[in-house]
């Protein structure tokens, strides 16, 4: 009989802006864990200090996750309880997490994801666009494949959701306007849950005009009406 105690991986969502959005359970889980894997330890240190979490932390991000995968899973199989956090939101949603979850499950390790913040849901719900069915695309390909991907999605009848950075927002909106047409309805949210939170609603053409005169700042969630 094998009485070896296996570890557990906890996926812990963190606030996308407002620190008050951290749940009691999330804080308790971070304090209970033996080790925290953080996308950026400098960013996460602010959150952990705020909630007086003293659990040891190490970096686990898109640039080292392949290299550190075996080391991390070895610790899990040895009985270590780990919590994975990203800079903001739920791990695995446009952030590191998928590779580790897949590997942990392949080793029959227990994986638990806590419910919590993610930018796409509040952006969708407050957009005024249909929220009963939607397609989350995350970030478009950085260079090659953007046009092809958008053409593929142009006839999608469900609401489409994208993430975008401020320096690419106008380029992306221009491409969407060209492929989807300038009159398609759009809702663009930025800095969700933060002091300068803003949501712009209108047509794609109007959004291009708006953000041409007002320089884009912050992280953006773009919700686009489906093709009906």
Protein backbone atom coordinates (compact mmCIF):
# COMPACT_ATOMS: atom_id res chain seq x y z
CA UNK A 1 0.00 0.00 0.00
CA UNK A 2 1.32 3.41 -1.03
CA UNK A 3 0.73 5.98 1.73
CA UNK A 4 2.77 8.66 0.02
CA UNK A 5 1.07 12.03 0.38
CA UNK A 6 0.80 13.90 -2.91
CA UNK A 7 0.89 17.65 -3.22
CA UNK A 8 -1.82 19.85 -4.68
CA UNK A 9 -1.84 22.69 -7.18
CA UNK A 10 -4.11 25.66 -6.45
CA UNK A 11 -4.87 28.19 -9.19
CA UNK A 12 -5.54 31.43 -7.33
CA UNK A 13 -7.07 34.42 -9.17
CA UNK A 14 -5.74 37.82 -8.12
CA UNK A 15 -7.32 41.29 -8.53
CA UNK A 16 -7.18 42.85 -11.99
CA UNK A 17 -6.80 46.27 -10.37
CA UNK A 18 -8.64 46.87 -7.12
CA UNK A 19 -6.95 44.99 -4.26
CA UNK A 20 -10.31 44.77 -2.50
CA UNK A 21 -11.42 42.16 -5.03
CA UNK A 22 -9.21 39.52 -3.39
CA UNK A 23 -11.36 36.84 -1.70
CA UNK A 24 -10.91 35.52 1.85
CA UNK A 25 -10.42 32.04 0.44
CA UNK A 26 -7.71 33.23 -1.95
CA UNK A 27 -5.75 34.86 0.89
CA UNK A 28 -6.14 31.77 3.08
CA UNK A 29 -4.95 29.53 0.26
CA UNK A 30 -1.84 31.64 -0.35
CA UNK A 31 -1.02 31.56 3.37
CA UNK A 32 -1.59 27.79 3.57
CA UNK A 33 0.54 26.93 0.51
CA UNK A 34 4.14 25.78 0.89
CA UNK A 35 5.19 27.71 -2.21
CA UNK A 36 3.71 30.38 -4.49
CA UNK A 37 4.53 30.40 -8.19
CA UNK A 38 4.21 33.97 -9.47
CA UNK A 39 4.30 35.39 -13.00
CA UNK A 40 6.28 38.40 -11.75
CA UNK A 41 7.53 38.23 -8.16
CA UNK A 42 7.95 42.02 -7.98
CA UNK A 43 4.33 42.64 -8.92
CA UNK A 44 3.02 39.86 -6.68
CA UNK A 45 5.09 41.05 -3.71
CA UNK A 46 2.87 44.14 -3.44
CA UNK A 47 -0.25 41.98 -3.22
CA UNK A 48 1.28 39.51 -0.75
CA UNK A 49 2.60 42.31 1.48
CA UNK A 50 -0.83 43.97 1.46
CA UNK A 51 -2.44 40.78 2.79
CA UNK A 52 0.51 39.84 5.04
CA UNK A 53 1.22 36.62 3.15
CA UNK A 54 4.72 35.37 3.97
CA UNK A 55 4.73 32.16 1.90
CA UNK A 56 7.95 31.72 -0.15
CA UNK A 57 7.59 32.71 -3.78
CA UNK A 58 9.40 31.91 -7.02
CA UNK A 59 9.00 33.05 -10.63
CA UNK A 60 6.99 30.95 -13.08
CA UNK A 61 6.20 32.72 -16.35
CA UNK A 62 5.99 32.26 -20.12
CA UNK A 63 9.77 32.53 -20.53
CA UNK A 64 10.68 29.77 -18.08
CA UNK A 65 7.59 27.56 -17.70
CA UNK A 66 8.83 24.88 -20.14
CA UNK A 67 12.22 24.73 -18.42
CA UNK A 68 10.80 24.65 -14.87
CA UNK A 69 7.89 22.30 -15.50
CA UNK A 70 9.65 19.12 -14.39
CA UNK A 71 11.14 20.79 -11.31
CA UNK A 72 7.74 22.10 -10.23
CA UNK A 73 5.86 18.83 -10.81
CA UNK A 74 8.58 16.94 -8.93
CA UNK A 75 7.90 19.12 -5.90
CA UNK A 76 4.18 18.49 -6.26
CA UNK A 77 4.65 14.73 -6.37
CA UNK A 78 6.87 15.03 -3.29
CA UNK A 79 3.92 16.43 -1.34
CA UNK A 80 4.39 20.20 -1.71
CA UNK A 81 1.23 22.34 -1.86
CA UNK A 82 1.63 25.08 -4.46
CA UNK A 83 -0.39 28.12 -5.43
CA UNK A 84 -0.07 29.57 -8.92
CA UNK A 85 -0.84 33.26 -9.42
CA UNK A 86 -0.49 35.61 -12.38
CA UNK A 87 0.06 39.37 -12.30
CA UNK A 88 -3.70 39.91 -12.52
CA UNK A 89 -6.76 37.75 -13.01
CA UNK A 90 -7.09 33.99 -13.30
CA UNK A 91 -4.01 31.91 -14.19
CA UNK A 92 -4.31 30.19 -17.56
CA UNK A 93 -6.50 32.91 -19.11
CA UNK A 94 -4.03 34.67 -21.44
CA UNK A 95 -1.45 33.98 -18.70
CA UNK A 96 0.81 31.04 -17.76
CA UNK A 97 -0.92 28.03 -16.24
CA UNK A 98 -2.16 25.67 -18.94
CA UNK A 99 1.09 23.70 -19.32
CA UNK A 100 1.42 23.15 -15.59
CA UNK A 101 -2.22 22.13 -15.15
CA UNK A 102 -1.99 19.65 -18.03
CA UNK A 103 1.22 18.12 -16.67
CA UNK A 104 -0.12 17.94 -13.10
CA UNK A 105 -3.28 16.17 -14.27
CA UNK A 106 -1.26 13.71 -16.34
CA UNK A 107 0.52 12.76 -13.09
CA UNK A 108 -2.84 12.30 -11.31
CA UNK A 109 -2.15 15.28 -9.04
CA UNK A 110 -5.02 17.23 -7.54
CA UNK A 111 -5.68 20.59 -9.20
CA UNK A 112 -8.08 23.13 -7.67
CA UNK A 113 -9.03 26.44 -9.29
CA UNK A 114 -10.56 29.10 -7.05
CA UNK A 115 -13.24 31.35 -8.56
CA UNK A 116 -12.27 34.97 -8.89
CA UNK A 117 -11.40 37.96 -11.05
CA UNK A 118 -10.93 37.93 -14.80
CA UNK A 119 -11.27 40.98 -17.06
CA UNK A 120 -13.38 39.45 -19.81
CA UNK A 121 -16.55 38.79 -17.76
CA UNK A 122 -17.19 42.30 -16.34
CA UNK A 123 -16.30 43.81 -19.73
CA UNK A 124 -18.84 41.56 -21.45
CA UNK A 125 -21.62 41.94 -18.89
CA UNK A 126 -21.46 45.75 -18.88
CA UNK A 127 -21.01 46.03 -22.66
CA UNK A 128 -24.71 45.91 -23.49
CA UNK A 129 -23.93 43.26 -26.12
CA UNK A 130 -25.38 39.75 -26.04
CA UNK A 131 -23.77 37.86 -23.16
CA UNK A 132 -25.65 34.55 -23.32
CA UNK A 133 -23.16 33.22 -25.90
CA UNK A 134 -19.72 34.57 -26.59
CA UNK A 135 -16.28 33.69 -27.98
CA UNK A 136 -13.16 34.65 -26.05
CA UNK A 137 -10.14 35.06 -28.34
CA UNK A 138 -7.66 36.64 -25.93
CA UNK A 139 -4.82 38.42 -27.73
CA UNK A 140 -4.70 38.27 -31.52
CA UNK A 141 -1.48 36.90 -33.09
CA UNK A 142 1.16 39.65 -32.72
CA UNK A 143 2.11 39.76 -36.42
CA UNK A 144 1.56 36.83 -38.75
CA UNK A 145 -1.97 35.47 -38.89
CA UNK A 146 -3.90 38.47 -37.54
CA UNK A 147 -5.80 39.18 -40.77
CA UNK A 148 -6.50 35.49 -41.37
CA UNK A 149 -7.85 35.08 -37.83
CA UNK A 150 -10.12 38.12 -38.10
CA UNK A 151 -11.49 36.99 -41.48
CA UNK A 152 -12.26 33.63 -39.91
CA UNK A 153 -14.21 35.36 -37.13
CA UNK A 154 -16.00 37.97 -39.25
CA UNK A 155 -19.15 35.85 -39.69
CA UNK A 156 -19.29 34.67 -36.07
CA UNK A 157 -22.79 35.31 -34.69
CA UNK A 158 -21.74 35.28 -31.02
CA UNK A 159 -20.20 38.27 -29.21
CA UNK A 160 -16.42 38.31 -29.67
CA UNK A 161 -13.99 39.29 -26.91
CA UNK A 162 -10.35 40.30 -27.37
CA UNK A 163 -7.61 41.58 -25.10
CA UNK A 164 -5.36 44.34 -26.45
CA UNK A 165 -2.50 46.53 -25.30
CA UNK A 166 -2.68 50.35 -25.60
CA UNK A 167 0.00 50.66 -28.31
CA UNK A 168 -1.83 48.17 -30.59
CA UNK A 169 -5.41 49.25 -29.94
CA UNK A 170 -5.84 51.57 -32.93
CA UNK A 171 -4.14 49.15 -35.31
CA UNK A 172 -6.43 46.35 -34.15
CA UNK A 173 -9.57 48.49 -34.38
CA UNK A 174 -8.54 49.55 -37.90
CA UNK A 175 -8.15 45.94 -38.99
CA UNK A 176 -11.46 44.98 -37.39
CA UNK A 177 -13.19 47.89 -39.13
CA UNK A 178 -11.76 46.84 -42.49
CA UNK A 179 -12.79 43.20 -42.13
CA UNK A 180 -15.98 43.39 -40.03
CA UNK A 181 -17.22 46.70 -41.40
CA UNK A 182 -17.13 50.11 -39.66
CA UNK A 183 -20.70 49.97 -38.34
CA UNK A 184 -20.44 46.84 -36.19
CA UNK A 185 -21.23 47.55 -32.53
CA UNK A 186 -18.34 47.53 -30.09
CA UNK A 187 -17.72 48.06 -26.38
CA UNK A 188 -14.18 48.82 -25.22
CA UNK A 189 -13.29 48.70 -21.53
CA UNK A 190 -10.00 49.80 -20.00
CA UNK A 191 -8.50 49.79 -16.52
CA UNK A 192 -11.34 47.66 -15.14
CA UNK A 193 -11.79 48.02 -11.35
CA UNK A 194 -9.17 50.80 -11.22
CA UNK A 195 -9.57 54.54 -10.57
CA UNK A 196 -9.65 55.48 -14.27
CA UNK A 197 -11.96 52.67 -15.39
CA UNK A 198 -13.79 53.56 -18.58
CA UNK A 199 -16.04 51.81 -21.10
CA UNK A 200 -16.65 53.24 -24.56
CA UNK A 201 -19.66 51.98 -26.52
CA UNK A 202 -20.50 52.73 -30.14
CA UNK A 203 -19.62 51.57 -33.64
CA UNK A 204 -16.13 50.48 -34.59
CA UNK A 205 -15.71 53.64 -36.69
CA UNK A 206 -16.75 55.83 -33.76
CA UNK A 207 -14.34 53.96 -31.48
CA UNK A 208 -11.47 54.57 -33.91
CA UNK A 209 -12.29 58.29 -33.97
CA UNK A 210 -12.56 58.40 -30.17
CA UNK A 211 -9.24 56.71 -29.44
CA UNK A 212 -7.50 58.69 -32.19
CA UNK A 213 -8.24 61.92 -30.32
CA UNK A 214 -7.75 60.36 -26.86
CA UNK A 215 -4.45 58.47 -26.60
CA UNK A 216 -5.13 54.86 -25.43
CA UNK A 217 -3.83 54.11 -21.93
CA UNK A 218 -4.15 50.98 -19.82
CA UNK A 219 -5.09 47.42 -20.72
CA UNK A 220 -8.13 46.98 -22.97
CA UNK A 221 -10.94 44.45 -23.40
CA UNK A 222 -12.71 44.72 -26.76
CA UNK A 223 -16.22 43.25 -27.08
CA UNK A 224 -17.66 43.13 -30.61
CA UNK A 225 -21.25 42.40 -31.56
CA UNK A 226 -21.75 39.17 -33.46
CA UNK A 227 -22.64 39.20 -37.15
CA UNK A 228 -26.41 38.95 -37.19
